[in-house]
């Protein structure tokens, strides 16, 4: 009986024209359209990160504070000069490995440079370091703001740490060895304080659309699994009413209905991943981790559908609308339509991002692309697994033994 149900469910998915279109062709067409829309953004200039232009104002800062900040600037930036045509600061050397291009200026001069957009911001050095910028909320400036803010935060951390070390040495709490200063210097030189997503080029901002798209396609099977639940509940379809009379356990019918959906959509998401590679969209070298995350997303989407389909007893039309609309809404909040929405949700409603399965898949792919470590990836996998477990429990509750007064 299990093989029989599985076989005919598979044939229904493959041979029915409307089902075949939404199962196979629609996702491939959607991916193709996305690629055509984004192809102009996949140029080397788009990927390249331009150093942030900064005016440094020392003002009344103490000499030791100026010297400390100058030393830090040597590690993270290169000096620049004003452009004669009021353009951004220009440099004589290649700033390839620099995060900032800076110029020393008086407060009035720094503000003039800022007003003319020759610098992104000006930084005032003193006991504390402050940054003044304009249009910081502009999407084109958001990366500059993140990079500069991370650099200045790192400088403050270094300054405070070195002050604490000096106090410990002075009071005799620690006794430094002969290579102590060299080891401390190398430790700070090796880390500018930038998170990898801040260091990452603008390529990640382009790829977030594809990460969100893959997250959406992972949850897309939700509508198909909702239809399968309707074929199990005797009060939702005539076929279910007839099968209810057969002496066959309900849980076995459930798995026989769901198994073809899991297999077909798992194959489809793998095809889509490699299809993106053929189109020239590089999602990173960690193929195994990416596929695991996508397959986990597929399972989450399927059991989200079974949970909704079993708990809500509305009409087929309402469920179909919910199965189509909910993944689209989750995709919207994850940045599939506009990457700025992802940033807005992340900053304003972080809880929504943590429970949005499309966002979890997208953030997992983003972390694999940008981070060298897997800590954030495994954290996302755990959260997505918890979401999947909750969906399974809700499905069990919804599908538990039912009694019908009339079918």
Protein backbone atom coordinates (compact mmCIF):
# COMPACT_ATOMS: atom_id res chain seq x y z
CA UNK A 1 0.00 0.00 0.00
CA UNK A 2 2.85 2.40 0.87
CA UNK A 3 4.56 1.78 -2.48
CA UNK A 4 1.25 2.15 -4.29
CA UNK A 5 0.48 5.57 -2.76
CA UNK A 6 4.05 6.77 -3.26
CA UNK A 7 4.08 5.67 -6.89
CA UNK A 8 0.83 7.39 -7.84
CA UNK A 9 1.69 10.53 -5.88
CA UNK A 10 4.94 10.75 -7.85
CA UNK A 11 3.10 10.21 -11.15
CA UNK A 12 0.61 12.92 -10.20
CA UNK A 13 3.42 15.39 -9.52
CA UNK A 14 5.28 14.55 -12.73
CA UNK A 15 2.46 14.01 -15.24
CA UNK A 16 -0.04 16.67 -14.20
CA UNK A 17 0.80 19.73 -16.32
CA UNK A 18 -0.04 22.42 -13.77
CA UNK A 19 1.83 20.56 -11.04
CA UNK A 20 4.84 19.99 -13.29
CA UNK A 21 5.01 23.69 -14.18
CA UNK A 22 4.96 24.90 -10.57
CA UNK A 23 7.25 22.12 -9.40
CA UNK A 24 9.97 22.35 -12.05
CA UNK A 25 9.62 25.13 -14.60
CA UNK A 26 8.51 28.02 -12.40
CA UNK A 27 11.57 27.86 -10.08
CA UNK A 28 13.93 27.61 -13.06
CA UNK A 29 12.23 30.49 -14.84
CA UNK A 30 12.35 32.58 -11.67
CA UNK A 31 16.08 31.93 -11.25
CA UNK A 32 16.69 32.83 -14.90
CA UNK A 33 14.75 36.09 -14.59
CA UNK A 34 16.68 37.00 -11.43
CA UNK A 35 19.96 36.36 -13.19
CA UNK A 36 18.98 38.47 -16.20
CA UNK A 37 17.90 41.29 -13.89
CA UNK A 38 21.15 41.16 -11.85
CA UNK A 39 23.62 40.36 -14.63
CA UNK A 40 24.60 44.01 -15.05
CA UNK A 41 25.67 44.15 -11.40
CA UNK A 42 28.14 41.26 -11.71
CA UNK A 43 31.08 43.31 -12.94
CA UNK A 44 34.48 43.58 -11.30
CA UNK A 45 33.80 47.25 -10.52
CA UNK A 46 30.72 46.27 -8.59
CA UNK A 47 32.71 43.81 -6.51
CA UNK A 48 35.61 46.14 -5.77
CA UNK A 49 35.62 47.92 -2.42
CA UNK A 50 36.72 51.54 -2.58
CA UNK A 51 38.57 52.85 0.52
CA UNK A 52 36.63 55.33 2.65
CA UNK A 53 37.80 58.95 2.34
CA UNK A 54 38.25 60.62 5.74
CA UNK A 55 39.46 63.97 7.09
CA UNK A 56 41.29 63.61 10.42
CA UNK A 57 40.97 66.47 12.89
CA UNK A 58 43.37 66.41 15.85
CA UNK A 59 42.36 69.79 17.32
CA UNK A 60 43.28 69.99 21.02
CA UNK A 61 44.21 66.31 21.33
CA UNK A 62 47.20 65.41 23.47
CA UNK A 63 50.43 64.56 21.72
CA UNK A 64 50.35 60.92 22.81
CA UNK A 65 46.79 60.55 21.49
CA UNK A 66 47.80 62.00 18.12
CA UNK A 67 50.82 59.71 17.94
CA UNK A 68 48.72 56.65 18.82
CA UNK A 69 46.13 57.44 16.16
CA UNK A 70 48.84 58.14 13.55
CA UNK A 71 50.32 54.72 14.25
CA UNK A 72 46.92 53.15 13.77
CA UNK A 73 46.39 55.04 10.51
CA UNK A 74 49.62 53.57 9.16
CA UNK A 75 48.06 50.10 9.43
CA UNK A 76 44.60 50.80 8.00
CA UNK A 77 44.99 53.65 5.53
CA UNK A 78 47.05 55.73 3.14
CA UNK A 79 47.37 59.54 3.02
CA UNK A 80 45.54 61.45 0.30
CA UNK A 81 45.36 64.95 -1.14
CA UNK A 82 42.37 67.10 -2.18
CA UNK A 83 41.35 66.85 -5.82
CA UNK A 84 41.66 70.10 -7.77
CA UNK A 85 38.23 69.56 -9.33
CA UNK A 86 36.53 69.06 -5.93
CA UNK A 87 36.41 65.30 -6.43
CA UNK A 88 37.16 62.66 -3.78
CA UNK A 89 40.63 62.52 -2.22
CA UNK A 90 43.29 61.18 -4.54
CA UNK A 91 46.39 59.16 -3.68
CA UNK A 92 49.78 58.74 -5.31
CA UNK A 93 50.17 55.10 -4.28
CA UNK A 94 47.92 52.10 -4.93
CA UNK A 95 45.41 51.89 -2.02
CA UNK A 96 44.58 48.25 -2.80
CA UNK A 97 45.06 46.99 0.77
CA UNK A 98 43.89 50.19 2.49
CA UNK A 99 40.53 50.63 4.18
CA UNK A 100 40.64 54.42 4.32
CA UNK A 101 42.23 57.36 2.49
CA UNK A 102 42.84 60.16 4.99
CA UNK A 103 43.94 63.77 5.10
CA UNK A 104 44.92 65.82 8.16
CA UNK A 105 42.82 68.99 8.37
CA UNK A 106 41.63 71.76 10.66
CA UNK A 107 37.98 71.59 11.79
CA UNK A 108 36.78 74.26 9.33
CA UNK A 109 38.65 72.68 6.41
CA UNK A 110 37.32 69.23 7.30
CA UNK A 111 33.73 70.48 7.25
CA UNK A 112 34.28 72.14 3.86
CA UNK A 113 35.66 68.88 2.48
CA UNK A 114 32.62 67.06 3.87
CA UNK A 115 30.18 69.58 2.40
CA UNK A 116 31.83 69.21 -1.01
CA UNK A 117 31.64 65.38 -0.71
CA UNK A 118 35.42 65.16 -1.06
CA UNK A 119 35.44 63.02 2.07
CA UNK A 120 32.83 60.62 3.37
CA UNK A 121 33.31 61.76 6.97
CA UNK A 122 35.65 63.62 9.27
CA UNK A 123 37.04 62.10 12.46
CA UNK A 124 37.93 64.10 15.57
CA UNK A 125 40.72 62.62 17.68
CA UNK A 126 40.86 63.13 21.45
CA UNK A 127 40.13 61.16 24.59
CA UNK A 128 37.31 59.71 22.51
CA UNK A 129 37.15 59.41 18.73
CA UNK A 130 34.02 60.74 17.04
CA UNK A 131 32.84 60.45 13.44
CA UNK A 132 30.71 62.97 11.55
CA UNK A 133 29.19 62.02 8.21
CA UNK A 134 26.23 63.00 6.05
CA UNK A 135 23.83 60.81 4.05
CA UNK A 136 24.90 57.90 6.23
CA UNK A 137 21.53 56.18 5.70
CA UNK A 138 21.95 56.26 1.94
CA UNK A 139 22.21 52.67 0.68
CA UNK A 140 25.30 53.48 -1.38
CA UNK A 141 27.04 54.77 1.77
CA UNK A 142 26.00 52.02 4.18
CA UNK A 143 29.10 49.90 3.50
CA UNK A 144 31.39 52.90 4.03
CA UNK A 145 29.71 53.64 7.34
CA UNK A 146 30.05 50.04 8.52
CA UNK A 147 33.74 49.88 7.60
CA UNK A 148 34.68 53.22 9.16
CA UNK A 149 32.67 52.57 12.30
CA UNK A 150 34.32 49.16 12.75
CA UNK A 151 37.80 50.68 12.29
CA UNK A 152 37.18 53.38 14.90
CA UNK A 153 35.68 50.90 17.35
CA UNK A 154 38.75 48.73 16.94
CA UNK A 155 41.04 51.68 17.61
CA UNK A 156 39.15 52.45 20.82
CA UNK A 157 39.44 48.81 21.92
CA UNK A 158 43.18 48.80 21.24
CA UNK A 159 43.66 52.07 23.11
CA UNK A 160 41.72 50.85 26.15
CA UNK A 161 43.48 47.49 26.16
CA UNK A 162 46.93 49.04 25.95
CA UNK A 163 46.05 51.42 28.78
CA UNK A 164 44.95 48.50 30.95
CA UNK A 165 48.16 46.59 30.14
CA UNK A 166 50.28 49.61 31.05
CA UNK A 167 48.48 49.93 34.39
CA UNK A 168 49.04 46.24 35.14
CA UNK A 169 52.74 46.52 34.30
CA UNK A 170 53.08 49.70 36.40
CA UNK A 171 51.45 48.13 39.47
CA UNK A 172 53.49 44.96 39.07
CA UNK A 173 50.45 42.78 38.49
CA UNK A 174 52.18 41.27 35.44
CA UNK A 175 55.83 40.92 34.56
CA UNK A 176 56.34 41.14 30.81
CA UNK A 177 58.98 39.01 29.14
CA UNK A 178 61.61 40.31 26.73
CA UNK A 179 59.36 39.80 23.65
CA UNK A 180 56.18 41.06 25.33
CA UNK A 181 55.88 44.31 23.37
CA UNK A 182 56.56 42.55 20.04
CA UNK A 183 53.87 39.95 20.70
CA UNK A 184 51.31 42.59 21.65
CA UNK A 185 52.12 44.63 18.54
CA UNK A 186 51.74 41.61 16.22
CA UNK A 187 48.44 40.65 17.83
CA UNK A 188 46.94 44.05 17.06
CA UNK A 189 48.49 44.31 13.61
CA UNK A 190 46.82 41.05 12.60
CA UNK A 191 43.32 42.37 13.25
CA UNK A 192 41.88 45.70 12.10
CA UNK A 193 38.63 44.90 13.85
CA UNK A 194 36.54 44.56 10.71
CA UNK A 195 33.99 41.80 10.58
CA UNK A 196 34.34 39.73 7.43
CA UNK A 197 31.02 41.01 6.12
CA UNK A 198 32.37 44.58 6.54
CA UNK A 199 35.60 43.68 4.78
CA UNK A 200 33.68 41.84 2.09
CA UNK A 201 33.16 43.61 -1.17
CA UNK A 202 29.86 44.78 -2.54
CA UNK A 203 29.52 41.39 -4.22
CA UNK A 204 27.83 40.10 -1.09
CA UNK A 205 25.21 42.85 -1.39
CA UNK A 206 24.40 41.61 -4.91
CA UNK A 207 24.40 37.95 -3.96
CA UNK A 208 22.00 38.53 -1.07
CA UNK A 209 19.24 38.60 -3.69
CA UNK A 210 20.21 35.08 -4.79
CA UNK A 211 20.62 33.92 -1.20
CA UNK A 212 17.11 35.14 -0.42
CA UNK A 213 15.83 33.58 -3.67
CA UNK A 214 17.26 30.19 -2.68
CA UNK A 215 15.70 30.63 0.76
CA UNK A 216 12.34 31.34 -0.86
CA UNK A 217 12.63 28.33 -3.18
CA UNK A 218 13.45 26.19 -0.15
CA UNK A 219 10.16 27.17 1.50
CA UNK A 220 8.26 27.07 -1.81
CA UNK A 221 7.15 23.38 -1.41
CA UNK A 222 4.84 24.57 1.36
CA UNK A 223 1.84 24.82 -0.97
CA UNK A 224 2.39 21.28 -2.29
CA UNK A 225 2.55 19.71 1.17
CA UNK A 226 -0.62 21.58 2.19
CA UNK A 227 -2.43 19.93 -0.71
CA UNK A 228 -1.14 16.53 0.41
CA UNK A 229 -2.58 17.04 3.89
CA UNK A 230 -5.95 17.85 2.34
CA UNK A 231 -5.85 14.39 0.72
CA UNK A 232 -5.46 12.81 4.16
CA UNK A 233 -8.23 14.57 6.09
CA UNK A 234 -11.65 13.07 5.42
CA UNK A 235 -13.38 16.41 5.99
CA UNK A 236 -11.22 18.24 3.41
CA UNK A 237 -11.46 16.12 0.24
CA UNK A 238 -13.53 13.33 -1.25
CA UNK A 239 -10.42 11.26 -1.95
CA UNK A 240 -9.46 11.43 1.73
CA UNK A 241 -12.99 10.39 2.70
CA UNK A 242 -12.68 7.27 0.53
CA UNK A 243 -9.16 6.41 1.72
CA UNK A 244 -10.31 6.81 5.33
CA UNK A 245 -12.31 3.59 4.92
CA UNK A 246 -9.19 1.59 3.99
CA UNK A 247 -7.59 -0.40 6.84
CA UNK A 248 -4.27 1.44 6.54
CA UNK A 249 -2.63 3.60 9.23
CA UNK A 250 -2.94 7.33 8.75
CA UNK A 251 0.74 8.02 9.52
CA UNK A 252 1.84 5.62 6.77
CA UNK A 253 -0.46 7.37 4.28
CA UNK A 254 1.03 10.67 5.40
CA UNK A 255 4.62 9.60 4.75
CA UNK A 256 3.65 7.98 1.45
CA UNK A 257 2.16 11.32 0.36
CA UNK A 258 5.06 13.44 1.61
CA UNK A 259 8.01 11.30 0.48
CA UNK A 260 7.66 12.09 -3.28
CA UNK A 261 7.45 15.82 -2.49
CA UNK A 262 10.62 15.64 -0.37
CA UNK A 263 12.54 13.72 -3.05
CA UNK A 264 11.41 15.80 -6.03
CA UNK A 265 11.99 19.19 -4.38
CA UNK A 266 15.34 18.05 -2.99
CA UNK A 267 16.44 17.09 -6.50
CA UNK A 268 15.06 20.40 -7.80
CA UNK A 269 16.98 22.56 -5.29
CA UNK A 270 20.22 20.73 -6.17
CA UNK A 271 19.53 21.32 -9.88
CA UNK A 272 18.88 25.02 -9.18
CA UNK A 273 22.14 25.33 -7.24
CA UNK A 274 24.20 23.93 -10.12
CA UNK A 275 22.11 25.87 -12.65
CA UNK A 276 23.16 29.09 -10.90
CA UNK A 277 26.76 27.96 -11.31
CA UNK A 278 26.19 27.46 -15.03
CA UNK A 279 24.76 31.00 -15.20
CA UNK A 280 27.95 32.31 -13.61
CA UNK A 281 26.63 33.03 -10.10
CA UNK A 282 29.40 31.99 -7.72
CA UNK A 283 27.94 31.13 -4.31
CA UNK A 284 31.28 30.10 -2.83
CA UNK A 285 33.32 26.92 -2.60
CA UNK A 286 31.49 25.25 0.30
CA UNK A 287 29.12 23.19 -1.80
CA UNK A 288 28.50 20.51 0.83
CA UNK A 289 27.48 22.97 3.54
CA UNK A 290 25.33 24.91 1.08
CA UNK A 291 23.42 21.80 -0.04
CA UNK A 292 22.87 20.67 3.55
CA UNK A 293 21.36 24.06 4.39
CA UNK A 294 19.16 24.07 1.29
CA UNK A 295 17.90 20.53 1.95
CA UNK A 296 17.15 21.49 5.55
CA UNK A 297 15.21 24.45 4.17
CA UNK A 298 13.25 22.13 1.88
CA UNK A 299 12.23 19.96 4.84
CA UNK A 300 11.27 23.05 6.81
CA UNK A 301 9.09 24.36 3.98
CA UNK A 302 7.37 21.00 3.51
CA UNK A 303 6.55 20.57 7.18
CA UNK A 304 5.46 24.20 7.48
CA UNK A 305 2.89 23.32 4.84
CA UNK A 306 1.77 20.16 6.64
CA UNK A 307 1.49 22.07 9.92
CA UNK A 308 -0.65 24.82 8.39
CA UNK A 309 -2.71 22.34 6.37
CA UNK A 310 -3.47 20.12 9.36
CA UNK A 311 -4.17 22.86 11.91
CA UNK A 312 -6.32 25.18 9.77
CA UNK A 313 -9.45 23.65 8.34
CA UNK A 314 -10.31 26.43 5.88
CA UNK A 315 -11.25 26.04 2.24
CA UNK A 316 -8.77 24.84 -0.38
CA UNK A 317 -8.67 28.31 -1.97
CA UNK A 318 -7.69 30.01 1.29
CA UNK A 319 -4.99 27.44 1.98
CA UNK A 320 -3.60 27.74 -1.53
CA UNK A 321 -3.46 31.53 -1.19
CA UNK A 322 -1.72 31.14 2.17
CA UNK A 323 0.73 28.60 0.77
CA UNK A 324 1.69 30.98 -2.05
CA UNK A 325 1.52 34.26 -0.15
CA UNK A 326 3.36 33.31 3.04
CA UNK A 327 6.63 32.26 1.34
CA UNK A 328 6.49 35.43 -0.77
CA UNK A 329 6.05 37.58 2.34
CA UNK A 330 8.91 35.79 4.10
CA UNK A 331 11.05 36.25 0.96
CA UNK A 332 10.23 39.96 0.92
CA UNK A 333 11.35 40.42 4.54
CA UNK A 334 14.56 38.51 3.81
CA UNK A 335 15.57 40.95 1.05
CA UNK A 336 14.52 39.01 -2.06
CA UNK A 337 12.86 42.08 -3.60
CA UNK A 338 15.09 44.78 -2.04
CA UNK A 339 18.24 44.22 0.03
CA UNK A 340 17.47 47.38 2.01
CA UNK A 341 14.41 45.60 3.48
CA UNK A 342 16.71 42.93 4.93
CA UNK A 343 18.85 45.58 6.61
CA UNK A 344 15.77 47.43 7.87
CA UNK A 345 14.27 44.27 9.40
CA UNK A 346 17.65 43.28 10.85
CA UNK A 347 18.02 46.65 12.60
CA UNK A 348 14.38 47.36 13.51
CA UNK A 349 12.75 43.95 14.04
CA UNK A 350 15.61 41.48 14.68
CA UNK A 351 13.19 38.94 16.18
CA UNK A 352 11.40 38.62 12.82
CA UNK A 353 14.66 37.76 11.10
CA UNK A 354 15.44 35.10 13.70
CA UNK A 355 12.16 33.25 13.13
CA UNK A 356 11.89 33.77 9.37
CA UNK A 357 13.01 30.49 7.71
CA UNK A 358 13.74 32.24 4.41
CA UNK A 359 15.98 34.72 6.24
CA UNK A 360 17.69 31.87 8.10
CA UNK A 361 18.56 30.10 4.86
CA UNK A 362 19.69 33.37 3.25
CA UNK A 363 21.81 34.36 6.27
CA UNK A 364 23.31 30.88 6.37
CA UNK A 365 24.38 31.15 2.72
CA UNK A 366 25.66 34.69 3.38
CA UNK A 367 27.75 33.49 6.31
CA UNK A 368 29.25 30.65 4.25
CA UNK A 369 30.21 33.11 1.55
CA UNK A 370 31.67 35.82 3.80
CA UNK A 371 32.96 34.13 6.95
CA UNK A 372 36.01 31.90 7.26
CA UNK A 373 34.61 30.21 10.39
CA UNK A 374 31.45 28.12 10.58
CA UNK A 375 30.18 29.29 13.97
CA UNK A 376 27.43 31.46 12.57
CA UNK A 377 26.48 28.82 10.00
CA UNK A 378 25.99 26.13 12.65
CA UNK A 379 24.04 28.57 14.81
CA UNK A 380 21.66 29.14 11.90
CA UNK A 381 21.41 25.40 11.20
CA UNK A 382 20.44 24.82 14.84
CA UNK A 383 17.78 27.54 14.72
CA UNK A 384 16.38 26.20 11.45
CA UNK A 385 16.34 22.67 12.90
CA UNK A 386 14.39 23.92 15.91
CA UNK A 387 11.92 25.58 13.54
CA UNK A 388 11.62 22.28 11.63
CA UNK A 389 11.05 20.33 14.86
CA UNK A 390 8.28 22.75 15.89
CA UNK A 391 6.62 22.34 12.47
CA UNK A 392 6.77 18.54 12.81
CA UNK A 393 5.23 18.66 16.29
CA UNK A 394 2.43 20.94 15.06
CA UNK A 395 1.84 18.55 12.16
CA UNK A 396 1.53 15.61 14.55
CA UNK A 397 -0.92 17.58 16.68
CA UNK A 398 -2.98 18.51 13.63
CA UNK A 399 -3.00 14.99 12.18
CA UNK A 400 -3.72 13.13 15.41
CA UNK A 401 -6.63 10.69 15.33
CA UNK A 402 -9.84 12.48 14.33
CA UNK A 403 -13.47 11.46 14.62
CA UNK A 404 -16.07 12.68 12.14
CA UNK A 405 -19.80 12.88 12.78
CA UNK A 406 -20.44 12.86 9.05
CA UNK A 407 -18.17 12.53 6.01
